Amino acid sequence: MSNFSIILLKENDFGVGQYHFGKKLLYFLFILLILGAAALGWKFFEQYQTIGKMGQLIEKQEKNEIAFQQRIDLYDGRESRILFLENYVKELKQSEQNSNVMYKKHTALFRSNTTKLDELHKFICQIMETQCTPSLTIEATPQQTIQWLEQVSQDFMIFNQSINKFDSRRRSFEEQANTIEYLQGQLVETKQSLSEHMEFLKVNKETVTRLTKKISKATGIKLVKRTKSKRKKTKTGRGGPTILDSLSLDSPQGLLNSASLRQFLYNNSDDYNDTVAQLEDLNQIIERNLSIWRQTPTMIPIRSRALSDRYGMRVDPFTKKRAFHAGIDFRARRGTPVYAPADAVVRIASRKSGFGLLVELRHGRGFYPGRKKSVRYRTRFAHLSKIKVKPGQHVKRGDIIGLVGSTGRSTGSHLHYEMIINGRRKNPLIPLTRYNPDQLLYKN
């Protein structure tokens, strides 16, 4: 018998290595393989037996469940039969004791009706707010029950009389209800009229606001109402009738008529309509002369409204003699911004002897109160602490041109403001007070 072996070749860094496996090793591996297959077969056989047992157990449980369900169905059938027999026995017993049972039923029904009657009696007594018969006690005898029923019957007779009185007054209540419904209808119409008028006023108010903003933006004139100072509260009585009170006094039924109220409201809106018309006309004029308005110094150049000196003759603070003052002086703290009163070109922006740091603006042609033709405006701002513009620079109304100071011939921090019209010095208060009547200046 020839020998054989298995050779395995493996390549490594030194060449090809050889590994030899003999016949005995192969027999050993073969036997080991057979033993493993036998063990695995035995394991599968045990699993098969276990699965068979589980199947039998499941089949047995299903049979038990079927038997149990059959018993339940049988029990339900027996229970229904037993219930039927019990009911039948009860009916036989009730038929045997019919008199006693009927008496008990009538007694229970009587007590139930008595309880309901007592509750209804209490409810009606609470609604009518009257003192009625007390409730019936549980321990009451038949005689006491009969007496209680007689008293309740009397109470119901009183209730019936009250209902008859209410029925007699029903017509008057219906008439009042119709009147209330009519008044409610009139109130709805009045509310609609007021709503229409409020919409009308809202539209006009929006128009006035729009025109006011447009005019103020174009001219610098603030068209606002003068704010009144708040008054201190006093303990004295205050009051007075309103316009609607006067209307109701002259014509008591006038307030119920929506047409009359609408006419009254529209009549009192004529002034408002006139204001809107005037603003429309003024807006058209301003649009035609927008460039001229933009060059008219209509804005106060500083937020302060306090004047330390006015235009004209005054006592000079240095010489203590009367001398001519060519402008107006605003009291303000050092560093307060100074604004351009209109569109202009910077003519001077430097130190000028008695003026100190001076800014002079050339505005071009603009309007002047009382003159039909336009005039040439120039404005000067003296005693500044700092200049914010340069000569030849274009500025617009509201631009900062400098800061308040006390440079030059000055005793303290203030702004000296001059206005030159057609080459001559004029009082700056004339265009300011004419074009901004609500922005009052006062001598402090």
Protein backbone atom coordinates (compact mmCIF):
# COMPACT_ATOMS: atom_id res chain seq x y z
CA MET A 1 0.00 0.00 0.00
CA SER A 2 1.42 3.34 -1.09
CA ASN A 3 1.87 6.16 1.39
CA PHE A 4 0.52 9.62 0.74
CA SER A 5 0.67 12.97 2.46
CA ILE A 6 -0.69 16.48 2.11
CA ILE A 7 1.78 19.28 1.46
CA LEU A 8 0.86 22.91 2.20
CA LEU A 9 2.99 25.63 0.63
CA LYS A 10 3.33 29.11 2.22
CA GLU A 11 5.34 31.99 0.84
CA ASN A 12 7.41 34.05 3.29
CA ASP A 13 10.36 36.45 3.21
CA PHE A 14 12.91 33.60 2.94
CA GLY A 15 11.18 31.63 0.19
CA VAL A 16 8.42 29.00 0.08
CA GLY A 17 7.78 26.93 3.21
CA GLN A 18 6.37 23.35 3.10
CA TYR A 19 4.13 21.65 5.67
CA HIS A 20 3.54 17.80 5.46
CA PHE A 21 0.43 16.05 6.90
CA GLY A 22 0.54 12.21 7.12
CA LYS A 23 -2.14 9.49 6.77
CA LYS A 24 -2.67 9.08 10.54
CA LEU A 25 -3.56 12.69 10.98
CA LEU A 26 -6.08 12.41 8.20
CA TYR A 27 -7.65 9.33 9.81
CA PHE A 28 -7.87 11.15 13.09
CA LEU A 29 -9.58 14.13 11.46
CA PHE A 30 -11.97 11.79 9.62
CA ILE A 31 -12.97 9.99 12.85
CA LEU A 32 -13.36 13.33 14.62
CA LEU A 33 -15.64 14.47 11.81
CA ILE A 34 -17.77 11.32 12.10
CA LEU A 35 -18.12 11.76 15.87
CA GLY A 36 -19.13 15.40 15.42
CA ALA A 37 -21.73 14.45 12.83
CA ALA A 38 -23.10 11.75 15.16
CA ALA A 39 -23.32 14.22 18.07
CA LEU A 40 -25.02 16.76 15.88
CA GLY A 41 -27.49 14.13 14.61
CA TRP A 42 -28.29 13.12 18.18
CA LYS A 43 -28.86 16.75 19.09
CA PHE A 44 -31.24 17.19 16.16
CA PHE A 45 -33.07 14.01 17.21
CA GLU A 46 -33.55 15.35 20.75
CA GLN A 47 -34.83 18.65 19.36
CA TYR A 48 -37.26 16.76 17.12
CA GLN A 49 -38.62 14.82 20.10
CA THR A 50 -38.93 18.03 22.11
CA ILE A 51 -40.84 19.71 19.28
CA GLY A 52 -43.15 16.68 19.02
CA LYS A 53 -43.86 16.82 22.75
CA MET A 54 -44.57 20.56 22.56
CA GLY A 55 -46.97 19.99 19.64
CA GLN A 56 -48.82 17.33 21.64
CA LEU A 57 -48.96 19.67 24.64
CA ILE A 58 -50.36 22.50 22.50
CA GLU A 59 -52.93 20.16 20.94
CA LYS A 60 -53.94 19.04 24.44
CA GLN A 61 -54.30 22.66 25.58
CA GLU A 62 -56.49 23.45 22.56
CA LYS A 63 -58.71 20.50 23.40
CA ASN A 64 -58.90 21.70 27.03
CA GLU A 65 -59.85 25.16 25.84
CA ILE A 66 -62.59 23.75 23.61
CA ALA A 67 -63.93 21.67 26.49
CA PHE A 68 -63.74 24.64 28.83
CA GLN A 69 -65.61 26.84 26.32
CA GLN A 70 -68.29 24.16 26.00
CA ARG A 71 -68.65 24.10 29.77
CA ILE A 72 -68.95 27.91 29.84
CA ASP A 73 -71.66 27.82 27.16
CA LEU A 74 -73.44 25.09 29.07
CA TYR A 75 -73.16 27.13 32.28
CA ASP A 76 -74.54 30.24 30.55
CA GLY A 77 -77.49 28.23 29.28
CA ARG A 78 -78.12 26.78 32.71
CA GLU A 79 -77.77 30.22 34.30
CA SER A 80 -80.35 31.74 31.95
CA ARG A 81 -82.69 28.85 32.72
CA ILE A 82 -82.11 29.27 36.44
CA LEU A 83 -82.74 33.02 36.12
CA PHE A 84 -85.93 32.34 34.21
CA LEU A 85 -87.04 29.89 36.90
CA GLU A 86 -86.19 32.34 39.66
CA ASN A 87 -88.18 35.09 37.96
CA TYR A 88 -91.04 32.70 37.48
CA VAL A 89 -90.91 31.75 41.18
CA LYS A 90 -90.86 35.46 42.12
CA GLU A 91 -93.89 36.10 39.97
CA LEU A 92 -95.67 33.20 41.64
CA LYS A 93 -94.77 34.60 45.04
CA GLN A 94 -95.92 38.08 44.00
CA SER A 95 -99.18 36.68 42.72
CA GLU A 96 -99.66 34.83 46.01
CA GLN A 97 -99.04 37.98 48.02
CA ASN A 98 -100.72 40.39 45.60
CA SER A 99 -102.59 42.36 48.20
CA ASN A 100 -99.55 43.00 50.37
CA VAL A 101 -97.36 43.89 47.42
CA MET A 102 -99.95 46.24 45.87
CA TYR A 103 -100.32 47.97 49.20
CA LYS A 104 -96.55 48.45 49.43
CA LYS A 105 -96.42 49.75 45.86
CA HIS A 106 -99.18 52.24 46.47
CA THR A 107 -97.50 53.32 49.68
CA ALA A 108 -94.13 53.84 47.94
CA LEU A 109 -95.80 55.66 45.05
CA PHE A 110 -97.66 57.89 47.47
CA ARG A 111 -94.44 58.70 49.32
CA SER A 112 -92.67 59.41 46.06
CA ASN A 113 -95.43 61.74 44.87
CA THR A 114 -95.49 63.40 48.27
CA THR A 115 -91.71 64.01 48.07
CA LYS A 116 -91.99 65.47 44.56
CA LEU A 117 -94.89 67.63 45.66
CA ASP A 118 -92.85 68.86 48.62
CA GLU A 119 -89.90 69.73 46.34
CA LEU A 120 -92.18 71.56 43.90
CA HIS A 121 -93.80 73.38 46.82
CA LYS A 122 -90.38 74.51 48.13
CA PHE A 123 -89.28 75.63 44.66
CA ILE A 124 -92.40 77.75 44.12
CA CYS A 125 -92.07 79.24 47.60
CA GLN A 126 -88.48 80.29 46.84
CA ILE A 127 -89.50 81.86 43.53
CA MET A 128 -92.50 83.67 45.04
CA GLU A 129 -90.42 84.63 48.10
CA THR A 130 -93.31 83.85 50.44
CA GLN A 131 -93.58 81.96 53.72
CA CYS A 132 -95.20 78.58 53.05
CA THR A 133 -96.13 75.42 54.94
CA PRO A 134 -93.13 73.54 56.41
CA SER A 135 -92.01 70.29 54.82
CA LEU A 136 -93.59 66.94 55.75
CA THR A 137 -91.53 64.77 58.09
CA ILE A 138 -90.81 61.12 57.40
CA GLU A 139 -92.37 59.96 60.66
CA ALA A 140 -95.68 61.72 59.89
CA THR A 141 -98.89 59.76 60.47
CA PRO A 142 -101.61 59.49 57.81
CA GLN A 143 -103.69 62.13 59.62
CA GLN A 144 -100.73 64.54 59.69
CA THR A 145 -100.13 63.83 56.01
CA ILE A 146 -103.72 64.72 55.14
CA GLN A 147 -103.49 67.99 57.09
CA TRP A 148 -100.25 68.82 55.34
CA LEU A 149 -101.84 68.19 51.94
CA GLU A 150 -104.72 70.54 52.81
CA GLN A 151 -102.26 73.31 53.76
CA VAL A 152 -100.26 72.75 50.57
CA SER A 153 -103.50 72.97 48.59
CA GLN A 154 -104.17 76.37 50.14
CA ASP A 155 -100.64 77.49 49.24
CA PHE A 156 -101.21 76.43 45.64
CA MET A 157 -104.44 78.43 45.58
CA ILE A 158 -102.44 81.48 46.65
CA PHE A 159 -99.91 80.72 43.93
CA ASN A 160 -102.72 80.51 41.40
CA GLN A 161 -104.00 83.92 42.42
CA SER A 162 -100.50 85.39 42.00
CA ILE A 163 -100.23 83.83 38.57
CA ASN A 164 -103.55 85.36 37.59
CA LYS A 165 -102.27 88.78 38.70
CA PHE A 166 -99.10 88.24 36.69
CA ASP A 167 -101.20 87.30 33.67
CA SER A 168 -103.23 90.49 34.05
CA ARG A 169 -100.02 92.53 33.94
CA ARG A 170 -98.56 90.61 31.04
CA ARG A 171 -99.92 93.03 28.44
CA SER A 172 -98.28 96.00 30.07
CA PHE A 173 -95.00 94.06 30.22
CA GLU A 174 -95.31 93.22 26.52
CA GLU A 175 -95.87 96.89 25.70
CA GLN A 176 -92.78 97.80 27.72
CA ALA A 177 -90.82 95.09 25.94
CA ASN A 178 -91.91 96.49 22.57
CA THR A 179 -90.82 99.95 23.70
CA ILE A 180 -87.44 98.60 24.81
CA GLU A 181 -87.03 96.81 21.48
CA TYR A 182 -87.84 100.02 19.64
CA LEU A 183 -85.34 101.96 21.75
CA GLN A 184 -82.72 99.30 21.13
CA GLY A 185 -83.30 99.64 17.39
CA GLN A 186 -82.93 103.40 17.68
CA LEU A 187 -79.77 102.86 19.72
CA VAL A 188 -78.31 100.61 17.01
CA GLU A 189 -79.07 103.23 14.37
CA THR A 190 -77.52 105.91 16.58
CA LYS A 191 -74.38 103.79 17.03
CA GLN A 192 -74.17 103.30 13.27
CA SER A 193 -74.50 107.06 12.78
CA LEU A 194 -71.80 107.68 15.36
CA SER A 195 -69.60 105.06 13.71
CA GLU A 196 -70.06 106.73 10.30
CA HIS A 197 -69.23 110.10 11.79
CA MET A 198 -66.17 108.70 13.58
CA GLU A 199 -64.94 107.27 10.28
CA PHE A 200 -65.53 110.67 8.69
CA LEU A 201 -63.56 112.39 11.45
CA LYS A 202 -60.83 109.73 11.26
CA VAL A 203 -60.35 110.34 7.53
CA ASN A 204 -60.22 114.10 8.09
CA LYS A 205 -57.80 113.67 10.99
CA GLU A 206 -55.49 111.53 8.87
CA THR A 207 -55.67 114.17 6.13
CA VAL A 208 -54.81 116.95 8.60
CA THR A 209 -51.93 114.92 10.05
CA ARG A 210 -50.57 114.15 6.60
CA LEU A 211 -50.78 117.78 5.46
CA THR A 212 -49.32 119.05 8.75
CA LYS A 213 -46.31 116.74 8.47
CA LYS A 214 -45.84 117.68 4.83
CA ILE A 215 -46.01 121.42 5.54
CA SER A 216 -43.72 121.13 8.57
CA LYS A 217 -41.19 119.14 6.56
CA ALA A 218 -41.22 121.69 3.72
CA THR A 219 -41.26 124.93 5.75
CA GLY A 220 -40.08 124.05 9.23
CA ILE A 221 -43.31 125.48 10.65
CA LYS A 222 -44.71 123.20 13.33
CA LEU A 223 -48.50 123.28 12.99
CA VAL A 224 -49.30 121.92 16.44
CA LYS A 225 -51.71 123.02 19.11
CA ARG A 226 -50.29 124.94 21.99
CA THR A 227 -49.91 122.63 24.97
CA LYS A 228 -51.44 123.90 28.15
CA SER A 229 -49.76 123.40 31.50
CA LYS A 230 -51.35 120.86 33.77
CA ARG A 231 -53.51 122.38 36.44
CA LYS A 232 -53.20 121.26 40.00
CA LYS A 233 -56.10 119.29 41.35
CA THR A 234 -58.20 121.22 43.83
CA LYS A 235 -60.96 120.19 46.15
CA THR A 236 -63.44 122.60 44.55
CA GLY A 237 -66.36 121.15 42.59
CA ARG A 238 -66.07 120.89 38.80
CA GLY A 239 -68.50 119.89 36.06
CA GLY A 240 -70.85 121.16 33.36
CA PRO A 241 -73.34 119.89 30.78
CA THR A 242 -72.11 118.39 27.51
CA ILE A 243 -73.33 119.24 24.01
CA LEU A 244 -75.52 116.15 24.00
CA ASP A 245 -77.07 117.28 27.30
CA SER A 246 -77.99 120.62 25.69
CA LEU A 247 -79.40 118.82 22.66
CA SER A 248 -81.51 116.53 24.83
CA LEU A 249 -82.78 119.55 26.83
CA ASP A 250 -83.87 121.43 23.69
CA SER A 251 -85.34 118.34 22.05
CA PRO A 252 -85.74 115.30 24.35
CA GLN A 253 -86.64 113.03 21.42
CA GLY A 254 -83.77 114.33 19.30
CA LEU A 255 -81.32 111.82 20.67
CA LEU A 256 -83.62 108.99 19.63
CA ASN A 257 -83.62 110.12 16.01
CA SER A 258 -80.45 108.95 14.26
CA ALA A 259 -80.99 111.33 11.35
CA SER A 260 -81.16 114.34 13.67
CA LEU A 261 -78.06 113.19 15.53
CA ARG A 262 -76.16 112.66 12.28
CA GLN A 263 -77.17 116.15 11.08
CA PHE A 264 -76.11 117.63 14.43
CA LEU A 265 -72.69 115.96 14.24
CA TYR A 266 -72.07 117.03 10.65
CA ASN A 267 -73.08 120.60 11.44
CA ASN A 268 -70.56 120.69 14.27
CA SER A 269 -67.86 119.37 11.92
CA ASP A 270 -67.91 122.43 9.65
CA ASP A 271 -64.96 124.01 11.47
CA TYR A 272 -62.99 120.82 11.02
CA ASN A 273 -63.80 120.76 7.31
CA ASP A 274 -62.72 124.42 7.01
CA THR A 275 -59.40 123.54 8.65
CA VAL A 276 -58.87 120.70 6.19
CA ALA A 277 -59.69 123.00 3.26
CA GLN A 278 -57.31 125.69 4.52
CA LEU A 279 -54.52 123.15 4.93
CA GLU A 280 -55.17 121.85 1.42
CA ASP A 281 -54.89 125.38 0.01
CA LEU A 282 -51.76 126.06 2.09
CA ASN A 283 -50.23 122.78 0.92
CA GLN A 284 -50.82 123.73 -2.73
CA ILE A 285 -49.15 127.12 -2.17
CA ILE A 286 -46.20 125.48 -0.43
CA GLU A 287 -45.77 122.92 -3.23
CA ARG A 288 -45.64 125.74 -5.79
CA ASN A 289 -43.06 127.64 -3.71
CA LEU A 290 -41.21 124.76 -2.06
CA SER A 291 -37.70 126.04 -2.83
CA ILE A 292 -38.55 129.49 -1.44
CA TRP A 293 -40.02 127.99 1.74
CA ARG A 294 -36.95 125.80 2.21
CA GLN A 295 -34.78 128.97 2.19
CA THR A 296 -37.01 130.89 4.64
CA PRO A 297 -35.62 130.80 8.24
CA THR A 298 -38.76 129.63 10.01
CA MET A 299 -37.17 127.39 12.65
CA ILE A 300 -35.82 128.51 16.02
CA PRO A 301 -32.09 127.68 15.86
CA ILE A 302 -31.86 126.31 19.39
CA ARG A 303 -34.05 124.20 21.65
CA SER A 304 -34.04 126.85 24.37
CA ARG A 305 -37.00 129.31 24.36
CA ALA A 306 -35.55 131.68 26.98
CA LEU A 307 -34.28 135.05 25.72
CA SER A 308 -31.71 137.01 27.67
CA ASP A 309 -31.84 140.05 25.31
CA ARG A 310 -34.21 141.16 22.57
CA TYR A 311 -33.63 143.09 19.35
CA GLY A 312 -33.27 146.88 19.67
CA MET A 313 -32.01 149.36 22.26
CA ARG A 314 -30.68 147.96 25.53
CA VAL A 315 -28.16 148.65 28.32
CA ASP A 316 -24.78 147.33 27.19
CA PRO A 317 -23.47 144.79 29.76
CA PHE A 318 -19.90 146.10 29.39
CA THR A 319 -20.28 149.89 29.10
CA LYS A 320 -23.53 150.11 31.12
CA LYS A 321 -24.82 152.59 28.51
CA ARG A 322 -27.76 152.28 26.13
CA ALA A 323 -26.72 150.81 22.79
CA PHE A 324 -28.37 149.12 19.82
CA HIS A 325 -28.54 145.31 19.90
CA ALA A 326 -28.74 143.92 16.33
CA GLY A 327 -30.06 140.46 17.23
CA ILE A 328 -31.61 138.31 19.94
CA ASP A 329 -29.79 136.30 22.61
CA PHE A 330 -30.87 132.80 23.64
CA ARG A 331 -29.92 131.53 27.08
CA ALA A 332 -28.35 128.04 26.82
CA ARG A 333 -25.64 125.90 28.37
CA ARG A 334 -22.23 125.55 26.80
CA GLY A 335 -22.19 122.77 24.20
CA THR A 336 -25.91 123.05 23.30
CA PRO A 337 -26.35 122.26 19.56
CA VAL A 338 -27.21 125.11 17.18
CA TYR A 339 -29.33 124.19 14.15
CA ALA A 340 -29.65 125.77 10.69
CA PRO A 341 -33.09 127.50 10.52
CA ALA A 342 -33.37 126.86 6.73
CA ASP A 343 -31.47 125.53 3.72
CA ALA A 344 -28.37 127.63 3.10
CA VAL A 345 -24.70 127.87 2.09
CA VAL A 346 -22.08 128.63 4.76
CA ARG A 347 -20.65 132.10 4.09
CA ILE A 348 -18.47 132.56 7.20
CA ALA A 349 -17.19 129.93 9.64
CA SER A 350 -14.35 131.46 11.66
CA ARG A 351 -13.48 133.76 14.60
CA LYS A 352 -14.55 137.42 14.16
CA SER A 353 -13.39 139.79 16.95
CA GLY A 354 -16.44 140.67 19.12
CA PHE A 355 -18.55 137.89 17.59
CA GLY A 356 -16.13 135.22 18.73
CA LEU A 357 -16.58 132.00 16.79
CA LEU A 358 -19.10 133.02 14.11
CA VAL A 359 -21.15 131.12 11.52
CA GLU A 360 -22.99 133.13 8.84
CA LEU A 361 -25.44 131.38 6.46
CA ARG A 362 -26.64 132.69 3.09
CA HIS A 363 -30.14 131.31 2.50
CA GLY A 364 -31.01 132.96 -0.81
CA ARG A 365 -34.57 134.16 -1.46
CA GLY A 366 -37.42 133.41 0.91
CA PHE A 367 -40.76 134.72 2.17
CA TYR A 368 -41.11 137.55 4.67
CA PRO A 369 -44.29 138.47 6.61
CA GLY A 370 -46.19 141.35 5.00
CA ARG A 371 -44.26 141.35 1.71
CA LYS A 372 -45.56 139.94 -1.53
CA LYS A 373 -42.13 139.62 -3.11
CA SER A 374 -39.40 137.31 -1.82
CA VAL A 375 -36.38 138.69 0.07
CA ARG A 376 -32.74 137.66 0.46
CA TYR A 377 -31.96 136.08 3.85
CA ARG A 378 -28.73 135.82 5.80
CA THR A 379 -28.42 134.63 9.42
CA ARG A 380 -25.55 134.89 11.93
CA PHE A 381 -24.74 132.76 14.96
CA ALA A 382 -22.13 134.24 17.32
CA HIS A 383 -20.20 133.37 20.53
CA LEU A 384 -20.02 129.65 19.59
CA SER A 385 -17.72 127.26 21.45
CA LYS A 386 -17.21 125.09 18.39
CA ILE A 387 -17.97 125.35 14.65
CA LYS A 388 -19.31 122.23 12.91
CA VAL A 389 -19.34 123.50 9.27
CA LYS A 390 -16.92 124.93 6.70
CA PRO A 391 -17.21 127.90 4.30
CA GLY A 392 -18.99 126.96 1.07
CA GLN A 393 -20.69 123.95 2.63
CA HIS A 394 -24.38 123.34 1.85
CA VAL A 395 -26.57 122.75 4.88
CA LYS A 396 -30.24 121.86 5.25
CA ARG A 397 -32.83 122.95 7.77
CA GLY A 398 -32.13 121.19 11.08
CA ASP A 399 -28.43 120.42 10.44
CA ILE A 400 -26.09 121.18 13.35
CA ILE A 401 -23.80 124.09 12.49
CA GLY A 402 -22.11 124.67 15.87
CA LEU A 403 -22.24 124.51 19.67
CA VAL A 404 -23.22 127.26 22.11
CA GLY A 405 -20.36 128.96 23.93
CA SER A 406 -19.11 132.31 25.29
CA THR A 407 -16.36 133.37 22.88
CA GLY A 408 -15.83 136.99 21.83
CA ARG A 409 -17.53 139.91 23.58
CA SER A 410 -19.71 137.87 25.91
CA THR A 411 -20.46 137.75 29.65
CA GLY A 412 -21.63 134.13 29.70
CA SER A 413 -22.75 131.14 27.71
CA HIS A 414 -25.50 132.10 25.20
CA LEU A 415 -26.31 132.25 21.46
CA HIS A 416 -26.40 135.58 19.62
CA TYR A 417 -28.76 135.24 16.60
CA GLU A 418 -28.97 137.89 13.83
CA MET A 419 -31.09 138.04 10.69
CA ILE A 420 -30.12 140.15 7.67
CA ILE A 421 -32.83 140.82 5.04
CA ASN A 422 -31.89 142.45 1.74
CA GLY A 423 -28.62 143.63 3.32
CA ARG A 424 -30.26 145.17 6.42
CA ARG A 425 -30.48 143.80 9.92
CA LYS A 426 -34.03 142.98 10.98
CA ASN A 427 -35.70 141.64 14.10
CA PRO A 428 -35.49 137.80 13.90
CA LEU A 429 -38.62 137.53 16.04
CA ILE A 430 -40.85 138.79 13.20
CA PRO A 431 -40.64 135.68 10.95
CA LEU A 432 -40.28 133.37 13.95
CA THR A 433 -43.44 134.54 15.73
CA ARG A 434 -45.40 134.84 12.46
CA TYR A 435 -44.47 131.42 11.08
CA ASN A 436 -44.27 129.59 14.43
CA PRO A 437 -46.91 131.19 16.67
CA ASP A 438 -47.14 128.12 18.93
CA GLN A 439 -43.42 128.06 19.78
CA LEU A 440 -43.39 130.93 22.22
CA LEU A 441 -40.21 132.75 23.21
CA TYR A 442 -40.07 134.43 26.60
CA LYS A 443 -37.74 136.87 28.31
CA ASN A 444 -36.17 135.23 31.33
